[in-house]
Amino acid sequence: MDLLKSLRTPEKLGRLVIEPSWSKGSFDSHGVDCPFPYYHDGSYWMTYVGFDGIGYQTGLARSENLFDWTKEGCVFGRGKAGSVTAYNAAMTGILRDNALFGPGTLKQVGGRFVGTYHAYPDPGYEAGPAVIGLCYSDDLRNWEAGPPVLEPDSSCPWEAGGLYKSWILEAEGLYYLFYNAKDAPEPGTRWIEQTGFAVSDDLEHWERYTGNPVLRVGPAGDFDDRFASDPAVFAQGNLWVMFYFGNCTDGHARDGVAFSNDLRSWEKSGDVLIDVGPEGSIDSRYAHKPGMISRDGRLYHFYCAVAPLTGPQRGDVETTEVRGISVATGAPETS
């Protein structure tokens, strides 16, 4: 099967599979984001990031069919005052098998699961320059934050403004942290986000790749002319595949894909895999932030769907948008 064809998931479910609680005081009252699906102990699971008006925390949901999900509560909450996670604890990935059409199971290091998180220093929506760290768990329900392993580097203009979502994988004896970051533009101009990576052989000491950013924004008019963000990296045959989202000057965000032979040099396909929907749909503003898993040879592309709030406020939370998680599926993979 043609590689790009095998990555397409044209069948949108058309509804949110995980949505905000709309209940003030809960960790996901205002919005949910950043899906990371995996398979463990006979069930499908998904970590996701919830926003409560103060900052991010991380929840867990469970499913048997990948369409109907039950929330299991917050599993990675804020740390103590003064800690790096005092306001935000946004876990965005867990070390897993690399195969895109593989089982979606997790790896352990030293008997523990390893996740990656980012945390902003101030209260509010993504307020201040974020750092990236690792977190650890014995049971996937209780996570312990480690110290930051990557902080914004003022000597690297592309990431001087702060770090964002990260993705961890292991390949050929090395650990890779892919992440997107923003520059620090002149006052009155808008920042751009691009993607790079760092490597480690021990999960403690990380070295940035000298060729960063490896996934850059496209030229004016491309769907990723402002952001090339939120990497999710898998192996497919002899290639590496990076799903990512592009933000465009047209005000919309969409998911795309890039390919590599060596995890260092990446070539974009230029195709939009998940596009925004029409006015009135759940993803009319953004259809972005990919989370991938397969089942019986069929690819499931989870994404954050965002649309303006229409009608009355939900629950006891005031917001201007509905931000939740949906899914689109593709045809079964065949040889």
C-alpha atoms as a PDB file:
ATOM      1  CA  MET A   1       0.000   0.000   0.000  1.00  0.00           C
ATOM      2  CA  ASP A   2       1.173   3.531  -0.786  1.00  0.00           C
ATOM      3  CA  LEU A   3       2.684   4.936   2.414  1.00  0.00           C
ATOM      4  CA  LEU A   4       0.831   8.232   2.402  1.00  0.00           C
ATOM      5  CA  LYS A   5      -2.425   6.462   1.623  1.00  0.00           C
ATOM      6  CA  SER A   6      -1.904   4.188   4.629  1.00  0.00           C
ATOM      7  CA  LEU A   7      -1.569   7.265   6.871  1.00  0.00           C
ATOM      8  CA  ARG A   8      -4.776   8.934   5.783  1.00  0.00           C
ATOM      9  CA  THR A   9      -7.727   8.780   8.156  1.00  0.00           C
ATOM     10  CA  PRO A  10     -10.609  10.359   6.238  1.00  0.00           C
ATOM     11  CA  GLU A  11     -13.425   9.087   8.449  1.00  0.00           C
ATOM     12  CA  LYS A  12     -13.973  11.658  11.187  1.00  0.00           C
ATOM     13  CA  LEU A  13     -16.124  10.464  14.066  1.00  0.00           C
ATOM     14  CA  GLY A  14     -17.729  13.905  14.210  1.00  0.00           C
ATOM     15  CA  ARG A  15     -18.078  14.083  17.983  1.00  0.00           C
ATOM     16  CA  LEU A  16     -15.810  14.544  20.970  1.00  0.00           C
ATOM     17  CA  VAL A  17     -14.655  11.357  22.649  1.00  0.00           C
ATOM     18  CA  ILE A  18     -13.256  13.251  25.644  1.00  0.00           C
ATOM     19  CA  GLU A  19     -14.580  16.680  26.545  1.00  0.00           C
ATOM     20  CA  PRO A  20     -14.167  19.154  29.401  1.00  0.00           C
ATOM     21  CA  SER A  21     -16.023  18.513  32.621  1.00  0.00           C
ATOM     22  CA  TRP A  22     -17.418  22.081  32.582  1.00  0.00           C
ATOM     23  CA  SER A  23     -17.322  21.885  36.367  1.00  0.00           C
ATOM     24  CA  LYS A  24     -15.367  24.535  38.234  1.00  0.00           C
ATOM     25  CA  GLY A  25     -12.746  22.992  40.494  1.00  0.00           C
ATOM     26  CA  SER A  26     -12.033  19.936  38.343  1.00  0.00           C
ATOM     27  CA  PHE A  27      -8.662  19.674  36.615  1.00  0.00           C
ATOM     28  CA  ASP A  28     -10.228  19.565  33.129  1.00  0.00           C
ATOM     29  CA  SER A  29     -13.010  22.091  33.614  1.00  0.00           C
ATOM     30  CA  HIS A  30     -12.147  24.416  30.728  1.00  0.00           C
ATOM     31  CA  GLY A  31     -10.638  22.183  28.066  1.00  0.00           C
ATOM     32  CA  VAL A  32      -8.873  18.923  27.223  1.00  0.00           C
ATOM     33  CA  ASP A  33      -5.930  18.553  24.909  1.00  0.00           C
ATOM     34  CA  CYS A  34      -2.873  16.549  23.790  1.00  0.00           C
ATOM     35  CA  PRO A  35      -4.140  12.944  23.390  1.00  0.00           C
ATOM     36  CA  PHE A  36      -1.651  10.105  23.902  1.00  0.00           C
ATOM     37  CA  PRO A  37      -3.305   6.695  23.329  1.00  0.00           C
ATOM     38  CA  TYR A  38      -1.675   3.365  24.200  1.00  0.00           C
ATOM     39  CA  TYR A  39      -2.528  -0.286  24.876  1.00  0.00           C
ATOM     40  CA  HIS A  40      -1.931  -1.886  28.260  1.00  0.00           C
ATOM     41  CA  ASP A  41      -3.264  -4.816  30.246  1.00  0.00           C
ATOM     42  CA  GLY A  42      -5.984  -5.697  27.748  1.00  0.00           C
ATOM     43  CA  SER A  43      -7.460  -2.207  27.336  1.00  0.00           C
ATOM     44  CA  TYR A  44      -6.843   1.024  25.466  1.00  0.00           C
ATOM     45  CA  TRP A  45      -5.815   4.016  27.524  1.00  0.00           C
ATOM     46  CA  MET A  46      -5.218   7.664  26.838  1.00  0.00           C
ATOM     47  CA  THR A  47      -3.437  10.344  28.776  1.00  0.00           C
ATOM     48  CA  TYR A  48      -4.678  13.824  28.061  1.00  0.00           C
ATOM     49  CA  VAL A  49      -4.031  17.306  29.363  1.00  0.00           C
ATOM     50  CA  GLY A  50      -6.746  19.222  31.192  1.00  0.00           C
ATOM     51  CA  PHE A  51      -6.923  22.989  31.745  1.00  0.00           C
ATOM     52  CA  ASP A  52      -8.765  24.491  34.716  1.00  0.00           C
ATOM     53  CA  GLY A  53      -8.171  28.206  34.196  1.00  0.00           C
ATOM     54  CA  ILE A  54      -4.974  28.102  36.267  1.00  0.00           C
ATOM     55  CA  GLY A  55      -2.825  25.657  34.348  1.00  0.00           C
ATOM     56  CA  TYR A  56      -2.438  22.163  32.966  1.00  0.00           C
ATOM     57  CA  GLN A  57      -2.690  18.802  34.702  1.00  0.00           C
ATOM     58  CA  THR A  58      -2.801  15.312  33.213  1.00  0.00           C
ATOM     59  CA  GLY A  59      -5.713  12.874  33.179  1.00  0.00           C
ATOM     60  CA  LEU A  60      -6.258   9.266  32.167  1.00  0.00           C
ATOM     61  CA  ALA A  61      -9.138   7.670  30.253  1.00  0.00           C
ATOM     62  CA  ARG A  62      -9.941   4.073  29.321  1.00  0.00           C
ATOM     63  CA  SER A  63     -11.661   2.455  26.334  1.00  0.00           C
ATOM     64  CA  GLU A  64     -12.384  -0.975  24.914  1.00  0.00           C
ATOM     65  CA  ASN A  65     -13.189   0.144  21.362  1.00  0.00           C
ATOM     66  CA  LEU A  66     -11.275   3.447  20.897  1.00  0.00           C
ATOM     67  CA  PHE A  67     -14.517   5.377  20.384  1.00  0.00           C
ATOM     68  CA  ASP A  68     -16.106   5.381  23.855  1.00  0.00           C
ATOM     69  CA  TRP A  69     -13.910   6.584  26.684  1.00  0.00           C
ATOM     70  CA  THR A  70     -14.332   6.685  30.463  1.00  0.00           C
ATOM     71  CA  LYS A  71     -12.341   9.209  32.459  1.00  0.00           C
ATOM     72  CA  GLU A  72     -10.240   7.741  35.266  1.00  0.00           C
ATOM     73  CA  GLY A  73      -9.277  11.033  36.902  1.00  0.00           C
ATOM     74  CA  CYS A  74      -6.128  13.121  37.274  1.00  0.00           C
ATOM     75  CA  VAL A  75      -2.919  11.064  37.405  1.00  0.00           C
ATOM     76  CA  PHE A  76      -0.257  13.768  37.212  1.00  0.00           C
ATOM     77  CA  GLY A  77      -1.195  16.836  39.189  1.00  0.00           C
ATOM     78  CA  ARG A  78       0.531  19.980  40.284  1.00  0.00           C
ATOM     79  CA  GLY A  79       3.533  19.909  42.572  1.00  0.00           C
ATOM     80  CA  LYS A  80       4.235  21.856  45.703  1.00  0.00           C
ATOM     81  CA  ALA A  81       4.511  25.624  45.723  1.00  0.00           C
ATOM     82  CA  GLY A  82       7.855  26.650  44.295  1.00  0.00           C
ATOM     83  CA  SER A  83       8.305  23.430  42.322  1.00  0.00           C
ATOM     84  CA  VAL A  84       8.622  23.317  38.551  1.00  0.00           C
ATOM     85  CA  THR A  85       5.109  21.834  38.340  1.00  0.00           C
ATOM     86  CA  ALA A  86       3.506  24.259  40.798  1.00  0.00           C
ATOM     87  CA  TYR A  87       1.118  25.527  38.121  1.00  0.00           C
ATOM     88  CA  ASN A  88       1.423  23.068  35.249  1.00  0.00           C
ATOM     89  CA  ALA A  89       2.012  19.325  34.875  1.00  0.00           C
ATOM     90  CA  ALA A  90       1.329  18.510  31.226  1.00  0.00           C
ATOM     91  CA  MET A  91       2.465  14.977  30.345  1.00  0.00           C
ATOM     92  CA  THR A  92       2.380  14.496  26.578  1.00  0.00           C
ATOM     93  CA  GLY A  93       3.924  11.087  25.937  1.00  0.00           C
ATOM     94  CA  ILE A  94       5.180   7.827  27.438  1.00  0.00           C
ATOM     95  CA  LEU A  95       8.014   5.674  26.113  1.00  0.00           C
ATOM     96  CA  ARG A  96       6.335   3.035  23.881  1.00  0.00           C
ATOM     97  CA  ASP A  97       6.997   0.650  21.021  1.00  0.00           C
ATOM     98  CA  ASN A  98       7.946   2.585  17.927  1.00  0.00           C
ATOM     99  CA  ALA A  99       5.901   0.777  15.259  1.00  0.00           C
ATOM    100  CA  LEU A 100       3.020   2.859  13.948  1.00  0.00           C
ATOM    101  CA  PHE A 101       1.012  -0.248  13.143  1.00  0.00           C
ATOM    102  CA  GLY A 102       2.375  -2.100  16.177  1.00  0.00           C
ATOM    103  CA  PRO A 103       0.530  -2.949  19.378  1.00  0.00           C
ATOM    104  CA  GLY A 104       0.889   0.461  21.017  1.00  0.00           C
ATOM    105  CA  THR A 105       2.374  -1.023  24.192  1.00  0.00           C
ATOM    106  CA  LEU A 106       4.658   0.778  26.605  1.00  0.00           C
ATOM    107  CA  LYS A 107       8.304   0.199  27.481  1.00  0.00           C
ATOM    108  CA  GLN A 108       9.857   0.298  30.914  1.00  0.00           C
ATOM    109  CA  VAL A 109      13.291   1.438  32.023  1.00  0.00           C
ATOM    110  CA  GLY A 110      14.560  -0.042  35.245  1.00  0.00           C
ATOM    111  CA  GLY A 111      11.098  -1.404  35.944  1.00  0.00           C
ATOM    112  CA  ARG A 112       9.370   1.983  35.630  1.00  0.00           C
ATOM    113  CA  PHE A 113       7.372   3.727  32.940  1.00  0.00           C
ATOM    114  CA  VAL A 114       8.902   6.931  31.610  1.00  0.00           C
ATOM    115  CA  GLY A 115       6.849   9.928  30.533  1.00  0.00           C
ATOM    116  CA  THR A 116       7.713  13.375  29.268  1.00  0.00           C
ATOM    117  CA  TYR A 117       6.066  16.586  30.433  1.00  0.00           C
ATOM    118  CA  HIS A 118       6.291  20.315  30.000  1.00  0.00           C
ATOM    119  CA  ALA A 119       5.523  22.974  32.592  1.00  0.00           C
ATOM    120  CA  TYR A 120       4.982  26.718  32.375  1.00  0.00           C
ATOM    121  CA  PRO A 121       6.249  28.836  35.280  1.00  0.00           C
ATOM    122  CA  ASP A 122       3.209  31.036  35.857  1.00  0.00           C
ATOM    123  CA  PRO A 123      -0.551  30.635  36.315  1.00  0.00           C
ATOM    124  CA  GLY A 124      -2.699  31.176  33.249  1.00  0.00           C
ATOM    125  CA  TYR A 125      -2.917  29.700  29.778  1.00  0.00           C
ATOM    126  CA  GLU A 126       0.626  28.649  28.771  1.00  0.00           C
ATOM    127  CA  ALA A 127       2.033  31.592  30.713  1.00  0.00           C
ATOM    128  CA  GLY A 128       5.778  32.079  30.539  1.00  0.00           C
ATOM    129  CA  PRO A 129       8.561  30.041  28.906  1.00  0.00           C
ATOM    130  CA  ALA A 130       8.031  26.323  29.575  1.00  0.00           C
ATOM    131  CA  VAL A 131      10.615  23.685  30.416  1.00  0.00           C
ATOM    132  CA  ILE A 132      10.615  19.964  29.605  1.00  0.00           C
ATOM    133  CA  GLY A 133      11.197  17.166  32.104  1.00  0.00           C
ATOM    134  CA  LEU A 134      10.690  13.449  32.559  1.00  0.00           C
ATOM    135  CA  CYS A 135       8.267  11.768  34.928  1.00  0.00           C
ATOM    136  CA  TYR A 136       8.114   8.213  36.251  1.00  0.00           C
ATOM    137  CA  SER A 137       5.468   5.748  37.358  1.00  0.00           C
ATOM    138  CA  ASP A 138       5.187   2.177  38.634  1.00  0.00           C
ATOM    139  CA  ASP A 139       1.478   1.803  37.879  1.00  0.00           C
ATOM    140  CA  LEU A 140       0.546   4.434  35.223  1.00  0.00           C
ATOM    141  CA  ARG A 141      -1.793   6.101  37.710  1.00  0.00           C
ATOM    142  CA  ASN A 142       0.677   7.908  39.928  1.00  0.00           C
ATOM    143  CA  TRP A 143       3.439   9.922  38.299  1.00  0.00           C
ATOM    144  CA  GLU A 144       6.463  11.540  39.904  1.00  0.00           C
ATOM    145  CA  ALA A 145       8.018  14.557  38.217  1.00  0.00           C
ATOM    146  CA  GLY A 146      11.746  14.626  37.687  1.00  0.00           C
ATOM    147  CA  PRO A 147      13.704  17.874  37.288  1.00  0.00           C
ATOM    148  CA  PRO A 148      13.763  19.684  33.957  1.00  0.00           C
ATOM    149  CA  VAL A 149      16.065  18.155  31.360  1.00  0.00           C
ATOM    150  CA  LEU A 150      15.614  20.899  28.751  1.00  0.00           C
ATOM    151  CA  GLU A 151      15.149  24.616  29.344  1.00  0.00           C
ATOM    152  CA  PRO A 152      14.853  27.451  26.806  1.00  0.00           C
ATOM    153  CA  ASP A 153      18.248  28.255  25.338  1.00  0.00           C
ATOM    154  CA  SER A 154      18.740  31.942  24.664  1.00  0.00           C
ATOM    155  CA  SER A 155      21.681  31.111  22.397  1.00  0.00           C
ATOM    156  CA  CYS A 156      19.329  29.178  20.081  1.00  0.00           C
ATOM    157  CA  PRO A 157      16.983  31.792  18.598  1.00  0.00           C
ATOM    158  CA  TRP A 158      14.414  29.234  17.420  1.00  0.00           C
ATOM    159  CA  GLU A 159      13.674  28.138  21.019  1.00  0.00           C
ATOM    160  CA  ALA A 160      14.563  31.250  23.015  1.00  0.00           C
ATOM    161  CA  GLY A 161      10.911  31.990  23.793  1.00  0.00           C
ATOM    162  CA  GLY A 162      10.088  28.687  25.496  1.00  0.00           C
ATOM    163  CA  LEU A 163       9.498  24.987  24.962  1.00  0.00           C
ATOM    164  CA  TYR A 164       6.278  23.113  24.273  1.00  0.00           C
ATOM    165  CA  LYS A 165       5.073  19.556  23.739  1.00  0.00           C
ATOM    166  CA  SER A 166       7.640  16.736  23.704  1.00  0.00           C
ATOM    167  CA  TRP A 167       7.766  13.151  22.443  1.00  0.00           C
ATOM    168  CA  ILE A 168      10.107  10.459  23.773  1.00  0.00           C
ATOM    169  CA  LEU A 169      11.351   7.390  21.902  1.00  0.00           C
ATOM    170  CA  GLU A 170      14.216   4.906  22.034  1.00  0.00           C
ATOM    171  CA  ALA A 171      16.157   3.832  18.931  1.00  0.00           C
ATOM    172  CA  GLU A 172      19.531   2.131  18.457  1.00  0.00           C
ATOM    173  CA  GLY A 173      20.627   2.593  22.057  1.00  0.00           C
ATOM    174  CA  LEU A 174      19.683   6.262  22.304  1.00  0.00           C
ATOM    175  CA  TYR A 175      16.708   8.124  23.705  1.00  0.00           C
ATOM    176  CA  TYR A 176      15.274  10.938  21.623  1.00  0.00           C
ATOM    177  CA  LEU A 177      13.221  13.878  22.859  1.00  0.00           C
ATOM    178  CA  PHE A 178      11.472  15.648  20.025  1.00  0.00           C
ATOM    179  CA  TYR A 179       9.897  18.959  20.996  1.00  0.00           C
ATOM    180  CA  ASN A 180       8.566  22.147  19.530  1.00  0.00           C
ATOM    181  CA  ALA A 181       9.577  25.567  20.733  1.00  0.00           C
ATOM    182  CA  LYS A 182       8.979  29.213  19.951  1.00  0.00           C
ATOM    183  CA  ASP A 183      11.314  32.047  19.139  1.00  0.00           C
ATOM    184  CA  ALA A 184      11.419  35.401  20.920  1.00  0.00           C
ATOM    185  CA  PRO A 185      10.278  37.872  18.262  1.00  0.00           C
ATOM    186  CA  GLU A 186      10.524  41.627  18.330  1.00  0.00           C
ATOM    187  CA  PRO A 187       7.705  43.387  20.235  1.00  0.00           C
ATOM    188  CA  GLY A 188       4.583  43.690  18.118  1.00  0.00           C
ATOM    189  CA  THR A 189       5.382  40.667  15.946  1.00  0.00           C
ATOM    190  CA  ARG A 190       4.086  37.109  16.291  1.00  0.00           C
ATOM    191  CA  TRP A 191       6.273  34.178  17.238  1.00  0.00           C
ATOM    192  CA  ILE A 192       6.785  31.038  15.207  1.00  0.00           C
ATOM    193  CA  GLU A 193       7.080  27.467  16.487  1.00  0.00           C
ATOM    194  CA  GLN A 194       9.361  24.811  15.024  1.00  0.00           C
ATOM    195  CA  THR A 195      10.519  21.322  16.026  1.00  0.00           C
ATOM    196  CA  GLY A 196      13.889  19.895  17.044  1.00  0.00           C
ATOM    197  CA  PHE A 197      15.255  17.143  19.231  1.00  0.00           C
ATOM    198  CA  ALA A 198      17.831  16.171  21.846  1.00  0.00           C
ATOM    199  CA  VAL A 199      19.448  12.789  22.540  1.00  0.00           C
ATOM    200  CA  SER A 200      20.594  10.917  25.637  1.00  0.00           C
ATOM    201  CA  ASP A 201      21.986   7.521  26.510  1.00  0.00           C
ATOM    202  CA  ASP A 202      20.923   7.632  30.159  1.00  0.00           C
ATOM    203  CA  LEU A 203      17.731   9.796  30.333  1.00  0.00           C
ATOM    204  CA  GLU A 204      19.636  12.302  32.466  1.00  0.00           C
ATOM    205  CA  HIS A 205      22.131  14.078  30.249  1.00  0.00           C
ATOM    206  CA  TRP A 206      20.679  15.456  27.036  1.00  0.00           C
ATOM    207  CA  GLU A 207      22.416  16.968  24.043  1.00  0.00           C
ATOM    208  CA  ARG A 208      20.585  19.061  21.496  1.00  0.00           C
ATOM    209  CA  TYR A 209      21.043  18.200  17.841  1.00  0.00           C
ATOM    210  CA  THR A 210      23.213  20.808  16.174  1.00  0.00           C
ATOM    211  CA  GLY A 211      20.958  20.873  13.102  1.00  0.00           C
ATOM    212  CA  ASN A 212      17.874  22.039  15.018  1.00  0.00           C
ATOM    213  CA  PRO A 213      15.195  22.875  14.157  1.00  0.00           C
ATOM    214  CA  VAL A 214      14.715  19.800  11.989  1.00  0.00           C
ATOM    215  CA  LEU A 215      11.102  20.631  11.096  1.00  0.00           C
ATOM    216  CA  ARG A 216      10.715  24.262  10.106  1.00  0.00           C
ATOM    217  CA  VAL A 217       7.709  26.369   9.256  1.00  0.00           C
ATOM    218  CA  GLY A 218       6.677  26.424   5.625  1.00  0.00           C
ATOM    219  CA  PRO A 219       6.581  29.401   3.232  1.00  0.00           C
ATOM    220  CA  ALA A 220       3.746  31.922   3.346  1.00  0.00           C
ATOM    221  CA  GLY A 221       0.449  30.337   2.438  1.00  0.00           C
ATOM    222  CA  ASP A 222       1.360  26.787   3.485  1.00  0.00           C
ATOM    223  CA  PHE A 223      -0.772  25.203   6.193  1.00  0.00           C
ATOM    224  CA  ASP A 224       2.267  25.338   8.530  1.00  0.00           C
ATOM    225  CA  ASP A 225       3.578  28.810   7.773  1.00  0.00           C
ATOM    226  CA  ARG A 226       3.438  29.840  11.463  1.00  0.00           C
ATOM    227  CA  PHE A 227       3.827  26.634  13.488  1.00  0.00           C
ATOM    228  CA  ALA A 228       5.311  23.199  12.798  1.00  0.00           C
ATOM    229  CA  SER A 229       4.547  21.745  16.209  1.00  0.00           C
ATOM    230  CA  ASP A 230       3.642  18.836  18.495  1.00  0.00           C
ATOM    231  CA  PRO A 231       5.712  15.978  17.032  1.00  0.00           C
ATOM    232  CA  ALA A 232       4.581  12.350  17.340  1.00  0.00           C
ATOM    233  CA  VAL A 233       7.220  10.047  15.849  1.00  0.00           C
ATOM    234  CA  PHE A 234       6.827   6.399  14.746  1.00  0.00           C
ATOM    235  CA  ALA A 235       8.529   3.767  12.635  1.00  0.00           C
ATOM    236  CA  GLN A 236       6.775   2.527   9.494  1.00  0.00           C
ATOM    237  CA  GLY A 237       8.768   0.031   7.470  1.00  0.00           C
ATOM    238  CA  ASN A 238      12.208   1.497   6.823  1.00  0.00           C
ATOM    239  CA  LEU A 239      11.061   5.059   7.429  1.00  0.00           C
ATOM    240  CA  TRP A 240      10.389   7.253  10.407  1.00  0.00           C
ATOM    241  CA  VAL A 241       7.106   9.121  10.314  1.00  0.00           C
ATOM    242  CA  MET A 242       6.473  12.362  12.202  1.00  0.00           C
ATOM    243  CA  PHE A 243       2.901  13.519  12.611  1.00  0.00           C
ATOM    244  CA  TYR A 244       2.709  17.178  13.567  1.00  0.00           C
ATOM    245  CA  PHE A 245       0.371  20.125  13.362  1.00  0.00           C
ATOM    246  CA  GLY A 246       0.717  23.244  11.318  1.00  0.00           C
ATOM    247  CA  ASN A 247      -0.730  26.598  12.260  1.00  0.00           C
ATOM    248  CA  CYS A 248      -1.432  28.914   9.357  1.00  0.00           C
ATOM    249  CA  THR A 249      -1.840  32.654   8.947  1.00  0.00           C
ATOM    250  CA  ASP A 250      -5.448  31.880   7.977  1.00  0.00           C
ATOM    251  CA  GLY A 251      -6.098  31.301  11.692  1.00  0.00           C
ATOM    252  CA  HIS A 252      -6.544  27.516  11.538  1.00  0.00           C
ATOM    253  CA  ALA A 253      -4.450  24.545  12.693  1.00  0.00           C
ATOM    254  CA  ARG A 254      -4.281  21.205  10.879  1.00  0.00           C
ATOM    255  CA  ASP A 255      -2.331  17.949  11.162  1.00  0.00           C
ATOM    256  CA  GLY A 256       0.327  16.958   8.626  1.00  0.00           C
ATOM    257  CA  VAL A 257       3.211  14.500   8.289  1.00  0.00           C
ATOM    258  CA  ALA A 258       6.937  14.344   7.510  1.00  0.00           C
ATOM    259  CA  PHE A 259       9.350  11.470   6.785  1.00  0.00           C
ATOM    260  CA  SER A 260      12.948  10.616   7.642  1.00  0.00           C
ATOM    261  CA  ASN A 261      15.488   7.848   7.125  1.00  0.00           C
ATOM    262  CA  ASP A 262      17.615   8.756  10.124  1.00  0.00           C
ATOM    263  CA  LEU A 263      15.519  10.827  12.595  1.00  0.00           C
ATOM    264  CA  ARG A 264      17.642  13.854  11.692  1.00  0.00           C
ATOM    265  CA  SER A 265      16.706  14.963   8.191  1.00  0.00           C
ATOM    266  CA  TRP A 266      12.968  15.356   7.651  1.00  0.00           C
ATOM    267  CA  GLU A 267      10.939  15.931   4.509  1.00  0.00           C
ATOM    268  CA  LYS A 268       7.362  17.124   4.735  1.00  0.00           C
ATOM    269  CA  SER A 269       4.741  15.514   2.540  1.00  0.00           C
ATOM    270  CA  GLY A 270       2.942  18.854   2.233  1.00  0.00           C
ATOM    271  CA  ASP A 271      -0.396  17.092   2.706  1.00  0.00           C
ATOM    272  CA  VAL A 272      -3.022  17.904   5.299  1.00  0.00           C
ATOM    273  CA  LEU A 273      -4.060  14.686   7.041  1.00  0.00           C
ATOM    274  CA  ILE A 274      -6.718  16.190   9.313  1.00  0.00           C
ATOM    275  CA  ASP A 275      -8.345  19.405   8.121  1.00  0.00           C
ATOM    276  CA  VAL A 276     -10.640  21.764   9.960  1.00  0.00           C
ATOM    277  CA  GLY A 277     -14.351  21.208   9.501  1.00  0.00           C
ATOM    278  CA  PRO A 278     -17.069  23.577   8.294  1.00  0.00           C
ATOM    279  CA  GLU A 279     -18.657  26.246  10.445  1.00  0.00           C
ATOM    280  CA  GLY A 280     -20.699  24.626  13.199  1.00  0.00           C
ATOM    281  CA  SER A 281     -18.555  21.468  13.387  1.00  0.00           C
ATOM    282  CA  ILE A 282     -16.531  20.396  16.438  1.00  0.00           C
ATOM    283  CA  ASP A 283     -13.232  21.272  14.712  1.00  0.00           C
ATOM    284  CA  SER A 284     -14.055  24.391  12.740  1.00  0.00           C
ATOM    285  CA  ARG A 285     -11.193  26.353  14.319  1.00  0.00           C
ATOM    286  CA  TYR A 286      -8.460  23.776  14.953  1.00  0.00           C
ATOM    287  CA  ALA A 287      -7.963  20.093  14.121  1.00  0.00           C
ATOM    288  CA  HIS A 288      -4.520  19.466  15.552  1.00  0.00           C
ATOM    289  CA  LYS A 289      -2.115  17.814  18.022  1.00  0.00           C
ATOM    290  CA  PRO A 290      -1.967  14.214  16.738  1.00  0.00           C
ATOM    291  CA  GLY A 291      -2.152  11.097  18.906  1.00  0.00           C
ATOM    292  CA  MET A 292      -1.856   7.853  16.959  1.00  0.00           C
ATOM    293  CA  ILE A 293      -2.616   4.184  17.575  1.00  0.00           C
ATOM    294  CA  SER A 294      -3.630   1.241  15.400  1.00  0.00           C
ATOM    295  CA  ARG A 295      -6.006  -1.655  15.917  1.00  0.00           C
ATOM    296  CA  ASP A 296      -6.407  -4.634  13.584  1.00  0.00           C
ATOM    297  CA  GLY A 297      -4.427  -2.795  10.930  1.00  0.00           C
ATOM    298  CA  ARG A 298      -6.590   0.329  11.089  1.00  0.00           C
ATOM    299  CA  LEU A 299      -5.070   3.652  12.061  1.00  0.00           C
ATOM    300  CA  TYR A 300      -6.819   5.847  14.627  1.00  0.00           C
ATOM    301  CA  HIS A 301      -5.808   9.492  14.507  1.00  0.00           C
ATOM    302  CA  PHE A 302      -6.821  11.269  17.707  1.00  0.00           C
ATOM    303  CA  TYR A 303      -6.643  15.032  17.679  1.00  0.00           C
ATOM    304  CA  CYS A 304      -7.647  18.132  19.592  1.00  0.00           C
ATOM    305  CA  ALA A 305     -10.817  19.589  18.078  1.00  0.00           C
ATOM    306  CA  VAL A 306     -11.567  23.235  18.795  1.00  0.00           C
ATOM    307  CA  ALA A 307     -14.584  25.316  17.843  1.00  0.00           C
ATOM    308  CA  PRO A 308     -16.057  28.618  19.055  1.00  0.00           C
ATOM    309  CA  LEU A 309     -18.625  28.259  21.791  1.00  0.00           C
ATOM    310  CA  THR A 310     -22.109  28.879  20.463  1.00  0.00           C
ATOM    311  CA  GLY A 311     -25.153  29.185  22.653  1.00  0.00           C
ATOM    312  CA  PRO A 312     -25.076  29.413  26.452  1.00  0.00           C
ATOM    313  CA  GLN A 313     -22.079  28.731  28.664  1.00  0.00           C
ATOM    314  CA  ARG A 314     -21.512  25.100  29.671  1.00  0.00           C
ATOM    315  CA  GLY A 315     -21.825  24.178  33.332  1.00  0.00           C
ATOM    316  CA  ASP A 316     -20.380  26.804  35.673  1.00  0.00           C
ATOM    317  CA  VAL A 317     -17.306  27.592  33.563  1.00  0.00           C
ATOM    318  CA  GLU A 318     -16.929  30.701  31.420  1.00  0.00           C
ATOM    319  CA  THR A 319     -15.138  30.108  28.126  1.00  0.00           C
ATOM    320  CA  THR A 320     -15.237  31.247  24.511  1.00  0.00           C
ATOM    321  CA  GLU A 321     -14.464  27.882  22.900  1.00  0.00           C
ATOM    322  CA  VAL A 322     -15.058  24.159  23.135  1.00  0.00           C
ATOM    323  CA  ARG A 323     -11.737  22.276  23.227  1.00  0.00           C
ATOM    324  CA  GLY A 324     -11.884  18.489  23.309  1.00  0.00           C
ATOM    325  CA  ILE A 325     -10.527  15.305  21.749  1.00  0.00           C
ATOM    326  CA  SER A 326     -11.928  13.536  18.722  1.00  0.00           C
ATOM    327  CA  VAL A 327     -10.734  10.817  16.346  1.00  0.00           C
ATOM    328  CA  ALA A 328     -10.604   9.994  12.653  1.00  0.00           C
ATOM    329  CA  THR A 329      -9.950   6.533  11.206  1.00  0.00           C
ATOM    330  CA  GLY A 330      -8.459   5.062   8.062  1.00  0.00           C
ATOM    331  CA  ALA A 331      -8.815   1.916   5.996  1.00  0.00           C
ATOM    332  CA  PRO A 332      -7.203  -1.310   7.289  1.00  0.00           C
ATOM    333  CA  GLU A 333      -3.556  -1.679   6.281  1.00  0.00           C
ATOM    334  CA  THR A 334      -3.003  -4.258   3.571  1.00  0.00           C
ATOM    335  CA  SER A 335       0.116  -5.511   1.885  1.00  0.00           C
END
